[in-house]
Amino acid sequence: GLKWDHCRDYVFDGGNEYRKFEVLDLDHTSMGIEELRWDGEH
């Protein structure tokens, strides 16, 4: 078989946690949402 040990090609930036939001209700804000608004069309 094959073994990759101390392989520099397999070093990745750690980055950061993904951001997120949730739109569950059209009348009440949910996670990450500051305001909900109806513009007459959308």
PDB file of all heavy atoms in Angstrom:
ATOM      1  N   GLY A   1       0.804  -1.220   0.000  1.00  0.00           N
ATOM      2  CA  GLY A   1       0.000   0.000   0.000  1.00  0.00           C
ATOM      3  C   GLY A   1       0.832   1.263   0.000  1.00  0.00           C
ATOM      4  O   GLY A   1       2.041   1.253  -0.290  1.00  0.00           O
ATOM      5  N   LEU A   2       0.178   2.362   0.389  1.00  0.00           N
ATOM      6  CA  LEU A   2       0.774   3.690   0.365  1.00  0.00           C
ATOM      7  C   LEU A   2       0.522   4.381   1.697  1.00  0.00           C
ATOM      8  O   LEU A   2      -0.490   4.130   2.364  1.00  0.00           O
ATOM      9  CB  LEU A   2       0.174   4.526  -0.769  1.00  0.00           C
ATOM     10  CG  LEU A   2       0.199   3.929  -2.182  1.00  0.00           C
ATOM     11  CD1 LEU A   2      -0.633   4.783  -3.128  1.00  0.00           C
ATOM     12  CD2 LEU A   2       1.633   3.816  -2.681  1.00  0.00           C
ATOM     13  N   LYS A   3       1.438   5.299   2.043  1.00  0.00           N
ATOM     14  CA  LYS A   3       1.286   6.035   3.294  1.00  0.00           C
ATOM     15  C   LYS A   3       1.721   7.483   3.097  1.00  0.00           C
ATOM     16  O   LYS A   3       2.787   7.750   2.537  1.00  0.00           O
ATOM     17  CB  LYS A   3       2.110   5.388   4.412  1.00  0.00           C
ATOM     18  CG  LYS A   3       1.939   6.053   5.767  1.00  0.00           C
ATOM     19  CD  LYS A   3       2.724   5.318   6.845  1.00  0.00           C
ATOM     20  CE  LYS A   3       2.533   5.957   8.215  1.00  0.00           C
ATOM     21  NZ  LYS A   3       3.306   5.243   9.270  1.00  0.00           N
ATOM     22  N   TRP A   4       0.865   8.395   3.549  1.00  0.00           N
ATOM     23  CA  TRP A   4       1.162   9.820   3.534  1.00  0.00           C
ATOM     24  C   TRP A   4       1.361  10.264   4.981  1.00  0.00           C
ATOM     25  O   TRP A   4       0.404  10.309   5.770  1.00  0.00           O
ATOM     26  CB  TRP A   4       0.028  10.607   2.890  1.00  0.00           C
ATOM     27  CG  TRP A   4      -0.125  10.380   1.419  1.00  0.00           C
ATOM     28  CD1 TRP A   4       0.317  11.175   0.407  1.00  0.00           C
ATOM     29  CD2 TRP A   4      -0.796   9.282   0.779  1.00  0.00           C
ATOM     30  NE1 TRP A   4      -0.019  10.653  -0.811  1.00  0.00           N
ATOM     31  CE2 TRP A   4      -0.715   9.484  -0.612  1.00  0.00           C
ATOM     32  CE3 TRP A   4      -1.470   8.146   1.266  1.00  0.00           C
ATOM     33  CZ2 TRP A   4      -1.267   8.589  -1.517  1.00  0.00           C
ATOM     34  CZ3 TRP A   4      -2.011   7.252   0.350  1.00  0.00           C
ATOM     35  CH2 TRP A   4      -1.911   7.479  -1.025  1.00  0.00           C
ATOM     36  N   ASP A   5       2.604  10.554   5.334  1.00  0.00           N
ATOM     37  CA  ASP A   5       2.939  10.941   6.704  1.00  0.00           C
ATOM     38  C   ASP A   5       3.860  12.154   6.621  1.00  0.00           C
ATOM     39  O   ASP A   5       4.871  12.125   5.921  1.00  0.00           O
ATOM     40  CB  ASP A   5       3.619   9.773   7.430  1.00  0.00           C
ATOM     41  CG  ASP A   5       3.791  10.037   8.906  1.00  0.00           C
ATOM     42  OD1 ASP A   5       3.048  10.875   9.452  1.00  0.00           O
ATOM     43  OD2 ASP A   5       4.675   9.409   9.527  1.00  0.00           O
ATOM     44  N   HIS A   6       3.510  13.233   7.315  1.00  0.00           N
ATOM     45  CA  HIS A   6       4.249  14.496   7.193  1.00  0.00           C
ATOM     46  C   HIS A   6       4.261  14.973   5.737  1.00  0.00           C
ATOM     47  O   HIS A   6       5.294  15.427   5.223  1.00  0.00           O
ATOM     48  CB  HIS A   6       5.677  14.356   7.719  1.00  0.00           C
ATOM     49  CG  HIS A   6       5.746  14.079   9.186  1.00  0.00           C
ATOM     50  ND1 HIS A   6       5.493  15.048  10.127  1.00  0.00           N
ATOM     51  CD2 HIS A   6       6.005  12.932   9.867  1.00  0.00           C
ATOM     52  CE1 HIS A   6       5.611  14.517  11.336  1.00  0.00           C
ATOM     53  NE2 HIS A   6       5.912  13.239  11.212  1.00  0.00           N
ATOM     54  N   CYS A   7       3.102  14.871   5.097  1.00  0.00           N
ATOM     55  CA  CYS A   7       2.967  15.301   3.707  1.00  0.00           C
ATOM     56  C   CYS A   7       2.559  16.773   3.688  1.00  0.00           C
ATOM     57  O   CYS A   7       1.461  17.131   4.112  1.00  0.00           O
ATOM     58  CB  CYS A   7       1.923  14.447   2.989  1.00  0.00           C
ATOM     59  SG  CYS A   7       1.595  14.952   1.297  1.00  0.00           S
ATOM     60  N   ARG A   8       3.442  17.630   3.193  1.00  0.00           N
ATOM     61  CA  ARG A   8       3.164  19.066   3.201  1.00  0.00           C
ATOM     62  C   ARG A   8       1.997  19.438   2.293  1.00  0.00           C
ATOM     63  O   ARG A   8       1.352  20.463   2.494  1.00  0.00           O
ATOM     64  CB  ARG A   8       4.420  19.843   2.807  1.00  0.00           C
ATOM     65  CG  ARG A   8       5.534  19.779   3.847  1.00  0.00           C
ATOM     66  CD  ARG A   8       6.715  20.640   3.456  1.00  0.00           C
ATOM     67  NE  ARG A   8       6.410  22.057   3.494  1.00  0.00           N
ATOM     68  CZ  ARG A   8       6.542  22.828   4.573  1.00  0.00           C
ATOM     69  NH1 ARG A   8       6.946  22.310   5.726  1.00  0.00           N
ATOM     70  NH2 ARG A   8       6.265  24.114   4.518  1.00  0.00           N
ATOM     71  N   ASP A   9       1.731  18.608   1.291  1.00  0.00           N
ATOM     72  CA  ASP A   9       0.573  18.870   0.428  1.00  0.00           C
ATOM     73  C   ASP A   9      -0.744  18.690   1.179  1.00  0.00           C
ATOM     74  O   ASP A   9      -1.786  19.168   0.712  1.00  0.00           O
ATOM     75  CB  ASP A   9       0.583  17.936  -0.785  1.00  0.00           C
ATOM     76  CG  ASP A   9       1.663  18.308  -1.795  1.00  0.00           C
ATOM     77  OD1 ASP A   9       2.071  19.485  -1.792  1.00  0.00           O
ATOM     78  OD2 ASP A   9       2.093  17.438  -2.567  1.00  0.00           O
ATOM     79  N   TYR A  10      -0.698  18.000   2.303  1.00  0.00           N
ATOM     80  CA  TYR A  10      -1.899  17.774   3.093  1.00  0.00           C
ATOM     81  C   TYR A  10      -1.987  18.713   4.302  1.00  0.00           C
ATOM     82  O   TYR A  10      -2.695  18.432   5.269  1.00  0.00           O
ATOM     83  CB  TYR A  10      -1.975  16.319   3.565  1.00  0.00           C
ATOM     84  CG  TYR A  10      -2.338  15.347   2.462  1.00  0.00           C
ATOM     85  CD1 TYR A  10      -2.175  13.975   2.635  1.00  0.00           C
ATOM     86  CD2 TYR A  10      -2.835  15.783   1.241  1.00  0.00           C
ATOM     87  CE1 TYR A  10      -2.503  13.077   1.627  1.00  0.00           C
ATOM     88  CE2 TYR A  10      -3.161  14.906   0.236  1.00  0.00           C
ATOM     89  CZ  TYR A  10      -2.993  13.551   0.433  1.00  0.00           C
ATOM     90  OH  TYR A  10      -3.331  12.665  -0.565  1.00  0.00           O
ATOM     91  N   VAL A  11      -1.257  19.821   4.247  1.00  0.00           N
ATOM     92  CA  VAL A  11      -1.378  20.871   5.260  1.00  0.00           C
ATOM     93  C   VAL A  11      -2.401  21.895   4.755  1.00  0.00           C
ATOM     94  O   VAL A  11      -2.248  22.467   3.673  1.00  0.00           O
ATOM     95  CB  VAL A  11      -0.031  21.547   5.531  1.00  0.00           C
ATOM     96  CG1 VAL A  11      -0.206  22.678   6.551  1.00  0.00           C
ATOM     97  CG2 VAL A  11       0.990  20.524   6.046  1.00  0.00           C
ATOM     98  N   PHE A  12      -3.439  22.127   5.545  1.00  0.00           N
ATOM     99  CA  PHE A  12      -4.504  23.065   5.187  1.00  0.00           C
ATOM    100  C   PHE A  12      -4.536  24.227   6.174  1.00  0.00           C
ATOM    101  O   PHE A  12      -4.228  24.053   7.365  1.00  0.00           O
ATOM    102  CB  PHE A  12      -5.878  22.372   5.247  1.00  0.00           C
ATOM    103  CG  PHE A  12      -6.098  21.322   4.199  1.00  0.00           C
ATOM    104  CD1 PHE A  12      -5.587  20.040   4.365  1.00  0.00           C
ATOM    105  CD2 PHE A  12      -6.833  21.604   3.060  1.00  0.00           C
ATOM    106  CE1 PHE A  12      -5.809  19.057   3.410  1.00  0.00           C
ATOM    107  CE2 PHE A  12      -7.056  20.635   2.093  1.00  0.00           C
ATOM    108  CZ  PHE A  12      -6.542  19.355   2.276  1.00  0.00           C
ATOM    109  N   ASP A  13      -4.913  25.399   5.679  1.00  0.00           N
ATOM    110  CA  ASP A  13      -5.218  26.499   6.591  1.00  0.00           C
ATOM    111  C   ASP A  13      -6.381  26.095   7.481  1.00  0.00           C
ATOM    112  O   ASP A  13      -7.372  25.521   7.009  1.00  0.00           O
ATOM    113  CB  ASP A  13      -5.598  27.756   5.816  1.00  0.00           C
ATOM    114  CG  ASP A  13      -4.399  28.440   5.185  1.00  0.00           C
ATOM    115  OD1 ASP A  13      -3.265  28.165   5.617  1.00  0.00           O
ATOM    116  OD2 ASP A  13      -4.606  29.241   4.257  1.00  0.00           O
ATOM    117  N   GLY A  14      -6.265  26.430   8.773  1.00  0.00           N
ATOM    118  CA  GLY A  14      -7.369  26.103   9.684  1.00  0.00           C
ATOM    119  C   GLY A  14      -8.616  26.919   9.394  1.00  0.00           C
ATOM    120  O   GLY A  14      -9.739  26.447   9.560  1.00  0.00           O
ATOM    121  N   GLY A  15      -8.411  28.160   8.946  1.00  0.00           N
ATOM    122  CA  GLY A  15      -9.556  29.026   8.677  1.00  0.00           C
ATOM    123  C   GLY A  15     -10.316  29.359   9.949  1.00  0.00           C
ATOM    124  O   GLY A  15      -9.753  29.402  11.046  1.00  0.00           O
ATOM    125  N   ASN A  16     -11.610  29.581   9.801  1.00  0.00           N
ATOM    126  CA  ASN A  16     -12.465  29.904  10.941  1.00  0.00           C
ATOM    127  C   ASN A  16     -13.791  29.180  10.771  1.00  0.00           C
ATOM    128  O   ASN A  16     -14.090  28.643   9.707  1.00  0.00           O
ATOM    129  CB  ASN A  16     -12.690  31.417  11.031  1.00  0.00           C
ATOM    130  CG  ASN A  16     -12.956  31.877  12.457  1.00  0.00           C
ATOM    131  OD1 ASN A  16     -13.404  31.104  13.298  1.00  0.00           O
ATOM    132  ND2 ASN A  16     -12.671  33.137  12.731  1.00  0.00           N
ATOM    133  N   GLU A  17     -14.586  29.159  11.838  1.00  0.00           N
ATOM    134  CA  GLU A  17     -15.886  28.514  11.742  1.00  0.00           C
ATOM    135  C   GLU A  17     -16.740  29.224  10.692  1.00  0.00           C
ATOM    136  O   GLU A  17     -16.646  30.445  10.508  1.00  0.00           O
ATOM    137  CB  GLU A  17     -16.603  28.538  13.094  1.00  0.00           C
ATOM    138  CG  GLU A  17     -15.803  27.961  14.245  1.00  0.00           C
ATOM    139  CD  GLU A  17     -15.505  26.480  14.112  1.00  0.00           C
ATOM    140  OE1 GLU A  17     -16.079  25.816  13.210  1.00  0.00           O
ATOM    141  OE2 GLU A  17     -14.687  25.964  14.893  1.00  0.00           O
ATOM    142  N   TYR A  18     -17.565  28.459  10.010  1.00  0.00           N
ATOM    143  CA  TYR A  18     -18.468  29.051   9.021  1.00  0.00           C
ATOM    144  C   TYR A  18     -19.474  29.965   9.720  1.00  0.00           C
ATOM    145  O   TYR A  18     -19.906  29.703  10.845  1.00  0.00           O
ATOM    146  CB  TYR A  18     -19.231  27.958   8.273  1.00  0.00           C
ATOM    147  CG  TYR A  18     -18.445  27.325   7.149  1.00  0.00           C
ATOM    148  CD1 TYR A  18     -17.301  26.562   7.407  1.00  0.00           C
ATOM    149  CD2 TYR A  18     -18.845  27.479   5.824  1.00  0.00           C
ATOM    150  CE1 TYR A  18     -16.584  25.964   6.377  1.00  0.00           C
ATOM    151  CE2 TYR A  18     -18.137  26.882   4.782  1.00  0.00           C
ATOM    152  CZ  TYR A  18     -17.009  26.138   5.068  1.00  0.00           C
ATOM    153  OH  TYR A  18     -16.294  25.549   4.042  1.00  0.00           O
ATOM    154  N   ARG A  19     -19.829  31.028   9.071  1.00  0.00           N
ATOM    155  CA  ARG A  19     -20.906  31.887   9.551  1.00  0.00           C
ATOM    156  C   ARG A  19     -22.240  31.214   9.240  1.00  0.00           C
ATOM    157  O   ARG A  19     -22.303  30.258   8.453  1.00  0.00           O
ATOM    158  CB  ARG A  19     -20.817  33.260   8.895  1.00  0.00           C
ATOM    159  CG  ARG A  19     -19.518  34.017   9.236  1.00  0.00           C
ATOM    160  CD  ARG A  19     -19.520  35.376   8.587  1.00  0.00           C
ATOM    161  NE  ARG A  19     -18.280  36.108   8.806  1.00  0.00           N
ATOM    162  CZ  ARG A  19     -18.050  36.931   9.820  1.00  0.00           C
ATOM    163  NH1 ARG A  19     -19.003  37.099  10.750  1.00  0.00           N
ATOM    164  NH2 ARG A  19     -16.910  37.586   9.933  1.00  0.00           N
ATOM    165  N   LYS A  20     -23.325  31.736   9.825  1.00  0.00           N
ATOM    166  CA  LYS A  20     -24.614  31.068   9.639  1.00  0.00           C
ATOM    167  C   LYS A  20     -25.760  32.037   9.896  1.00  0.00           C
ATOM    168  O   LYS A  20     -25.603  33.064  10.559  1.00  0.00           O
ATOM    169  CB  LYS A  20     -24.732  29.864  10.579  1.00  0.00           C
ATOM    170  CG  LYS A  20     -24.604  30.230  12.059  1.00  0.00           C
ATOM    171  CD  LYS A  20     -24.534  28.999  12.950  1.00  0.00           C
ATOM    172  CE  LYS A  20     -24.342  29.390  14.403  1.00  0.00           C
ATOM    173  NZ  LYS A  20     -24.244  28.211  15.297  1.00  0.00           N
ATOM    174  N   PHE A  21     -26.908  31.687   9.343  1.00  0.00           N
ATOM    175  CA  PHE A  21     -28.153  32.390   9.641  1.00  0.00           C
ATOM    176  C   PHE A  21     -29.296  31.431   9.373  1.00  0.00           C
ATOM    177  O   PHE A  21     -29.123  30.368   8.762  1.00  0.00           O
ATOM    178  CB  PHE A  21     -28.304  33.670   8.803  1.00  0.00           C
ATOM    179  CG  PHE A  21     -28.442  33.434   7.327  1.00  0.00           C
ATOM    180  CD1 PHE A  21     -29.677  33.175   6.743  1.00  0.00           C
ATOM    181  CD2 PHE A  21     -27.313  33.477   6.508  1.00  0.00           C
ATOM    182  CE1 PHE A  21     -29.789  32.961   5.373  1.00  0.00           C
ATOM    183  CE2 PHE A  21     -27.420  33.272   5.143  1.00  0.00           C
ATOM    184  CZ  PHE A  21     -28.665  33.008   4.577  1.00  0.00           C
ATOM    185  N   GLU A  22     -30.475  31.830   9.829  1.00  0.00           N
ATOM    186  CA  GLU A  22     -31.647  30.979   9.696  1.00  0.00           C
ATOM    187  C   GLU A  22     -32.878  31.850   9.489  1.00  0.00           C
ATOM    188  O   GLU A  22     -33.111  32.786  10.255  1.00  0.00           O
ATOM    189  CB  GLU A  22     -31.802  30.112  10.954  1.00  0.00           C
ATOM    190  CG  GLU A  22     -32.683  28.908  10.779  1.00  0.00           C
ATOM    191  CD  GLU A  22     -32.532  27.947  11.959  1.00  0.00           C
ATOM    192  OE1 GLU A  22     -32.469  28.419  13.106  1.00  0.00           O
ATOM    193  OE2 GLU A  22     -32.485  26.732  11.740  1.00  0.00           O
ATOM    194  N   VAL A  23     -33.638  31.543   8.461  1.00  0.00           N
ATOM    195  CA  VAL A  23     -34.908  32.223   8.208  1.00  0.00           C
ATOM    196  C   VAL A  23     -36.010  31.175   8.353  1.00  0.00           C
ATOM    197  O   VAL A  23     -36.231  30.367   7.446  1.00  0.00           O
ATOM    198  CB  VAL A  23     -34.954  32.867   6.807  1.00  0.00           C
ATOM    199  CG1 VAL A  23     -36.277  33.602   6.613  1.00  0.00           C
ATOM    200  CG2 VAL A  23     -33.785  33.826   6.620  1.00  0.00           C
ATOM    201  N   LEU A  24     -36.677  31.177   9.497  1.00  0.00           N
ATOM    202  CA  LEU A  24     -37.693  30.168   9.775  1.00  0.00           C
ATOM    203  C   LEU A  24     -39.110  30.709   9.654  1.00  0.00           C
ATOM    204  O   LEU A  24     -40.035  29.977   9.304  1.00  0.00           O
ATOM    205  CB  LEU A  24     -37.505  29.595  11.190  1.00  0.00           C
ATOM    206  CG  LEU A  24     -36.197  28.860  11.460  1.00  0.00           C
ATOM    207  CD1 LEU A  24     -36.198  28.304  12.879  1.00  0.00           C
ATOM    208  CD2 LEU A  24     -35.990  27.733  10.456  1.00  0.00           C
ATOM    209  N   ASP A  25     -39.269  31.985   9.970  1.00  0.00           N
ATOM    210  CA  ASP A  25     -40.593  32.591  10.032  1.00  0.00           C
ATOM    211  C   ASP A  25     -40.544  33.925   9.295  1.00  0.00           C
ATOM    212  O   ASP A  25     -39.555  34.651   9.376  1.00  0.00           O
ATOM    213  CB  ASP A  25     -40.992  32.797  11.502  1.00  0.00           C
ATOM    214  CG  ASP A  25     -42.464  33.095  11.670  1.00  0.00           C
ATOM    215  OD1 ASP A  25     -42.946  34.075  11.071  1.00  0.00           O
ATOM    216  OD2 ASP A  25     -43.147  32.363  12.410  1.00  0.00           O
ATOM    217  N   LEU A  26     -41.604  34.250   8.586  1.00  0.00           N
ATOM    218  CA  LEU A  26     -41.638  35.507   7.838  1.00  0.00           C
ATOM    219  C   LEU A  26     -42.214  36.659   8.649  1.00  0.00           C
ATOM    220  O   LEU A  26     -42.249  37.793   8.174  1.00  0.00           O
ATOM    221  CB  LEU A  26     -42.443  35.310   6.551  1.00  0.00           C
ATOM    222  CG  LEU A  26     -41.885  34.258   5.595  1.00  0.00           C
ATOM    223  CD1 LEU A  26     -42.790  34.081   4.385  1.00  0.00           C
ATOM    224  CD2 LEU A  26     -40.467  34.616   5.151  1.00  0.00           C
ATOM    225  N   ASP A  27     -42.650  36.378   9.871  1.00  0.00           N
ATOM    226  CA  ASP A  27     -43.179  37.416  10.761  1.00  0.00           C
ATOM    227  C   ASP A  27     -42.259  37.711  11.933  1.00  0.00           C
ATOM    228  O   ASP A  27     -42.389  38.766  12.566  1.00  0.00           O
ATOM    229  CB  ASP A  27     -44.553  36.992  11.305  1.00  0.00           C
ATOM    230  CG  ASP A  27     -45.596  36.864  10.210  1.00  0.00           C
ATOM    231  OD1 ASP A  27     -45.619  37.726   9.312  1.00  0.00           O
ATOM    232  OD2 ASP A  27     -46.382  35.901  10.250  1.00  0.00           O
ATOM    233  N   HIS A  28     -41.347  36.798  12.241  1.00  0.00           N
ATOM    234  CA  HIS A  28     -40.454  36.971  13.386  1.00  0.00           C
ATOM    235  C   HIS A  28     -39.025  36.643  12.972  1.00  0.00           C
ATOM    236  O   HIS A  28     -38.789  35.690  12.227  1.00  0.00           O
ATOM    237  CB  HIS A  28     -40.876  36.064  14.556  1.00  0.00           C
ATOM    238  CG  HIS A  28     -42.286  36.282  15.006  1.00  0.00           C
ATOM    239  ND1 HIS A  28     -43.349  35.584  14.459  1.00  0.00           N
ATOM    240  CD2 HIS A  28     -42.814  37.122  15.923  1.00  0.00           C
ATOM    241  CE1 HIS A  28     -44.470  35.972  15.036  1.00  0.00           C
ATOM    242  NE2 HIS A  28     -44.172  36.913  15.923  1.00  0.00           N
ATOM    243  N   THR A  29     -38.086  37.436  13.476  1.00  0.00           N
ATOM    244  CA  THR A  29     -36.681  37.196  13.157  1.00  0.00           C
ATOM    245  C   THR A  29     -36.194  35.935  13.853  1.00  0.00           C
ATOM    246  O   THR A  29     -36.733  35.527  14.886  1.00  0.00           O
ATOM    247  CB  THR A  29     -35.804  38.382  13.595  1.00  0.00           C
ATOM    248  OG1 THR A  29     -35.971  38.594  15.002  1.00  0.00           O
ATOM    249  CG2 THR A  29     -36.185  39.638  12.833  1.00  0.00           C
ATOM    250  N   SER A  30     -35.186  35.312  13.276  1.00  0.00           N
ATOM    251  CA  SER A  30     -34.567  34.131  13.860  1.00  0.00           C
ATOM    252  C   SER A  30     -33.055  34.308  13.817  1.00  0.00           C
ATOM    253  O   SER A  30     -32.559  35.412  13.585  1.00  0.00           O
ATOM    254  CB  SER A  30     -35.031  32.861  13.130  1.00  0.00           C
ATOM    255  OG  SER A  30     -34.979  33.021  11.727  1.00  0.00           O
ATOM    256  N   MET A  31     -32.310  33.240  14.022  1.00  0.00           N
ATOM    257  CA  MET A  31     -30.866  33.310  14.228  1.00  0.00           C
ATOM    258  C   MET A  31     -30.160  34.128  13.141  1.00  0.00           C
ATOM    259  O   MET A  31     -30.246  33.824  11.952  1.00  0.00           O
ATOM    260  CB  MET A  31     -30.287  31.893  14.255  1.00  0.00           C
ATOM    261  CG  MET A  31     -28.787  31.848  14.484  1.00  0.00           C
ATOM    262  SD  MET A  31     -28.163  30.149  14.489  1.00  0.00           S
ATOM    263  CE  MET A  31     -28.531  29.639  12.806  1.00  0.00           C
ATOM    264  N   GLY A  32     -29.468  35.167  13.570  1.00  0.00           N
ATOM    265  CA  GLY A  32     -28.646  35.969  12.679  1.00  0.00           C
ATOM    266  C   GLY A  32     -29.385  37.038  11.905  1.00  0.00           C
ATOM    267  O   GLY A  32     -28.752  37.838  11.220  1.00  0.00           O
ATOM    268  N   ILE A  33     -30.706  37.084  11.994  1.00  0.00           N
ATOM    269  CA  ILE A  33     -31.497  38.029  11.209  1.00  0.00           C
ATOM    270  C   ILE A  33     -31.884  39.229  12.073  1.00  0.00           C
ATOM    271  O   ILE A  33     -32.449  39.078  13.149  1.00  0.00           O
ATOM    272  CB  ILE A  33     -32.765  37.353  10.643  1.00  0.00           C
ATOM    273  CG1 ILE A  33     -32.363  36.155   9.771  1.00  0.00           C
ATOM    274  CG2 ILE A  33     -33.592  38.347   9.855  1.00  0.00           C
ATOM    275  CD1 ILE A  33     -31.473  36.497   8.595  1.00  0.00           C
ATOM    276  N   GLU A  34     -31.556  40.416  11.591  1.00  0.00           N
ATOM    277  CA  GLU A  34     -31.837  41.646  12.329  1.00  0.00           C
ATOM    278  C   GLU A  34     -33.239  42.172  12.048  1.00  0.00           C
ATOM    279  O   GLU A  34     -33.918  42.692  12.942  1.00  0.00           O
ATOM    280  CB  GLU A  34     -30.802  42.712  11.953  1.00  0.00           C
ATOM    281  CG  GLU A  34     -30.966  44.031  12.689  1.00  0.00           C
ATOM    282  CD  GLU A  34     -29.881  45.026  12.322  1.00  0.00           C
ATOM    283  OE1 GLU A  34     -29.187  44.814  11.285  1.00  0.00           O
ATOM    284  OE2 GLU A  34     -29.709  46.015  13.061  1.00  0.00           O
ATOM    285  N   GLU A  35     -33.715  42.034  10.800  1.00  0.00           N
ATOM    286  CA  GLU A  35     -34.998  42.627  10.427  1.00  0.00           C
ATOM    287  C   GLU A  35     -35.620  41.841   9.278  1.00  0.00           C
ATOM    288  O   GLU A  35     -34.930  41.332   8.397  1.00  0.00           O
ATOM    289  CB  GLU A  35     -34.786  44.089   9.996  1.00  0.00           C
ATOM    290  CG  GLU A  35     -36.050  44.810   9.579  1.00  0.00           C
ATOM    291  CD  GLU A  35     -35.772  46.195   9.015  1.00  0.00           C
ATOM    292  OE1 GLU A  35     -34.579  46.576   8.913  1.00  0.00           O
ATOM    293  OE2 GLU A  35     -36.748  46.897   8.646  1.00  0.00           O
ATOM    294  N   LEU A  36     -36.946  41.744   9.309  1.00  0.00           N
ATOM    295  CA  LEU A  36     -37.726  41.186   8.209  1.00  0.00           C
ATOM    296  C   LEU A  36     -38.618  42.284   7.650  1.00  0.00           C
ATOM    297  O   LEU A  36     -39.182  43.077   8.404  1.00  0.00           O
ATOM    298  CB  LEU A  36     -38.584  40.008   8.681  1.00  0.00           C
ATOM    299  CG  LEU A  36     -37.843  38.730   9.075  1.00  0.00           C
ATOM    300  CD1 LEU A  36     -38.778  37.776   9.803  1.00  0.00           C
ATOM    301  CD2 LEU A  36     -37.239  38.040   7.855  1.00  0.00           C
ATOM    302  N   ARG A  37     -38.752  42.320   6.306  1.00  0.00           N
ATOM    303  CA  ARG A  37     -39.524  43.407   5.716  1.00  0.00           C
ATOM    304  C   ARG A  37     -40.199  42.919   4.433  1.00  0.00           C
ATOM    305  O   ARG A  37     -39.600  42.188   3.641  1.00  0.00           O
ATOM    306  CB  ARG A  37     -38.600  44.586   5.411  1.00  0.00           C
ATOM    307  CG  ARG A  37     -39.307  45.847   4.940  1.00  0.00           C
ATOM    308  CD  ARG A  37     -38.281  46.887   4.488  1.00  0.00           C
ATOM    309  NE  ARG A  37     -37.265  47.161   5.508  1.00  0.00           N
ATOM    310  CZ  ARG A  37     -36.118  47.783   5.249  1.00  0.00           C
ATOM    311  NH1 ARG A  37     -35.844  48.164   4.002  1.00  0.00           N
ATOM    312  NH2 ARG A  37     -35.253  48.007   6.217  1.00  0.00           N
ATOM    313  N   TRP A  38     -41.449  43.319   4.243  1.00  0.00           N
ATOM    314  CA  TRP A  38     -42.176  43.068   3.005  1.00  0.00           C
ATOM    315  C   TRP A  38     -42.158  44.343   2.179  1.00  0.00           C
ATOM    316  O   TRP A  38     -42.549  45.411   2.655  1.00  0.00           O
ATOM    317  CB  TRP A  38     -43.612  42.640   3.321  1.00  0.00           C
ATOM    318  CG  TRP A  38     -44.525  42.596   2.129  1.00  0.00           C
ATOM    319  CD1 TRP A  38     -45.498  43.490   1.805  1.00  0.00           C
ATOM    320  CD2 TRP A  38     -44.550  41.604   1.103  1.00  0.00           C
ATOM    321  NE1 TRP A  38     -46.127  43.130   0.638  1.00  0.00           N
ATOM    322  CE2 TRP A  38     -45.565  41.969   0.173  1.00  0.00           C
ATOM    323  CE3 TRP A  38     -43.808  40.450   0.852  1.00  0.00           C
ATOM    324  CZ2 TRP A  38     -45.857  41.210  -0.956  1.00  0.00           C
ATOM    325  CZ3 TRP A  38     -44.101  39.693  -0.269  1.00  0.00           C
ATOM    326  CH2 TRP A  38     -45.116  40.079  -1.162  1.00  0.00           C
ATOM    327  N   ASP A  39     -41.678  44.262   0.930  1.00  0.00           N
ATOM    328  CA  ASP A  39     -41.537  45.466   0.113  1.00  0.00           C
ATOM    329  C   ASP A  39     -42.655  45.620  -0.910  1.00  0.00           C
ATOM    330  O   ASP A  39     -42.565  46.457  -1.820  1.00  0.00           O
ATOM    331  CB  ASP A  39     -40.176  45.467  -0.588  1.00  0.00           C
ATOM    332  CG  ASP A  39     -40.008  44.305  -1.572  1.00  0.00           C
ATOM    333  OD1 ASP A  39     -40.998  43.598  -1.849  1.00  0.00           O
ATOM    334  OD2 ASP A  39     -38.880  44.111  -2.068  1.00  0.00           O
ATOM    335  N   GLY A  40     -43.718  44.855  -0.759  1.00  0.00           N
ATOM    336  CA  GLY A  40     -44.820  44.905  -1.697  1.00  0.00           C
ATOM    337  C   GLY A  40     -44.721  43.863  -2.783  1.00  0.00           C
ATOM    338  O   GLY A  40     -45.700  43.591  -3.491  1.00  0.00           O
ATOM    339  N   GLU A  41     -43.542  43.252  -2.925  1.00  0.00           N
ATOM    340  CA  GLU A  41     -43.341  42.208  -3.934  1.00  0.00           C
ATOM    341  C   GLU A  41     -42.647  40.979  -3.365  1.00  0.00           C
ATOM    342  O   GLU A  41     -42.993  39.849  -3.696  1.00  0.00           O
ATOM    343  CB  GLU A  41     -42.515  42.777  -5.088  1.00  0.00           C
ATOM    344  CG  GLU A  41     -42.337  41.819  -6.250  1.00  0.00           C
ATOM    345  CD  GLU A  41     -41.565  42.440  -7.402  1.00  0.00           C
ATOM    346  OE1 GLU A  41     -41.165  43.631  -7.278  1.00  0.00           O
ATOM    347  OE2 GLU A  41     -41.360  41.751  -8.417  1.00  0.00           O
ATOM    348  N   HIS A  42     -41.655  41.214  -2.486  1.00  0.00           N
ATOM    349  CA  HIS A  42     -40.879  40.111  -1.933  1.00  0.00           C
ATOM    350  C   HIS A  42     -40.749  40.263  -0.427  1.00  0.00           C
ATOM    351  O   HIS A  42     -40.803  41.373   0.119  1.00  0.00           O
ATOM    352  CB  HIS A  42     -39.464  40.082  -2.529  1.00  0.00           C
ATOM    353  CG  HIS A  42     -39.417  40.007  -4.020  1.00  0.00           C
ATOM    354  ND1 HIS A  42     -39.950  38.963  -4.733  1.00  0.00           N
ATOM    355  CD2 HIS A  42     -38.896  40.869  -4.937  1.00  0.00           C
ATOM    356  CE1 HIS A  42     -39.758  39.168  -6.019  1.00  0.00           C
ATOM    357  NE2 HIS A  42     -39.134  40.325  -6.177  1.00  0.00           N
TER     358      HIS A  42
END
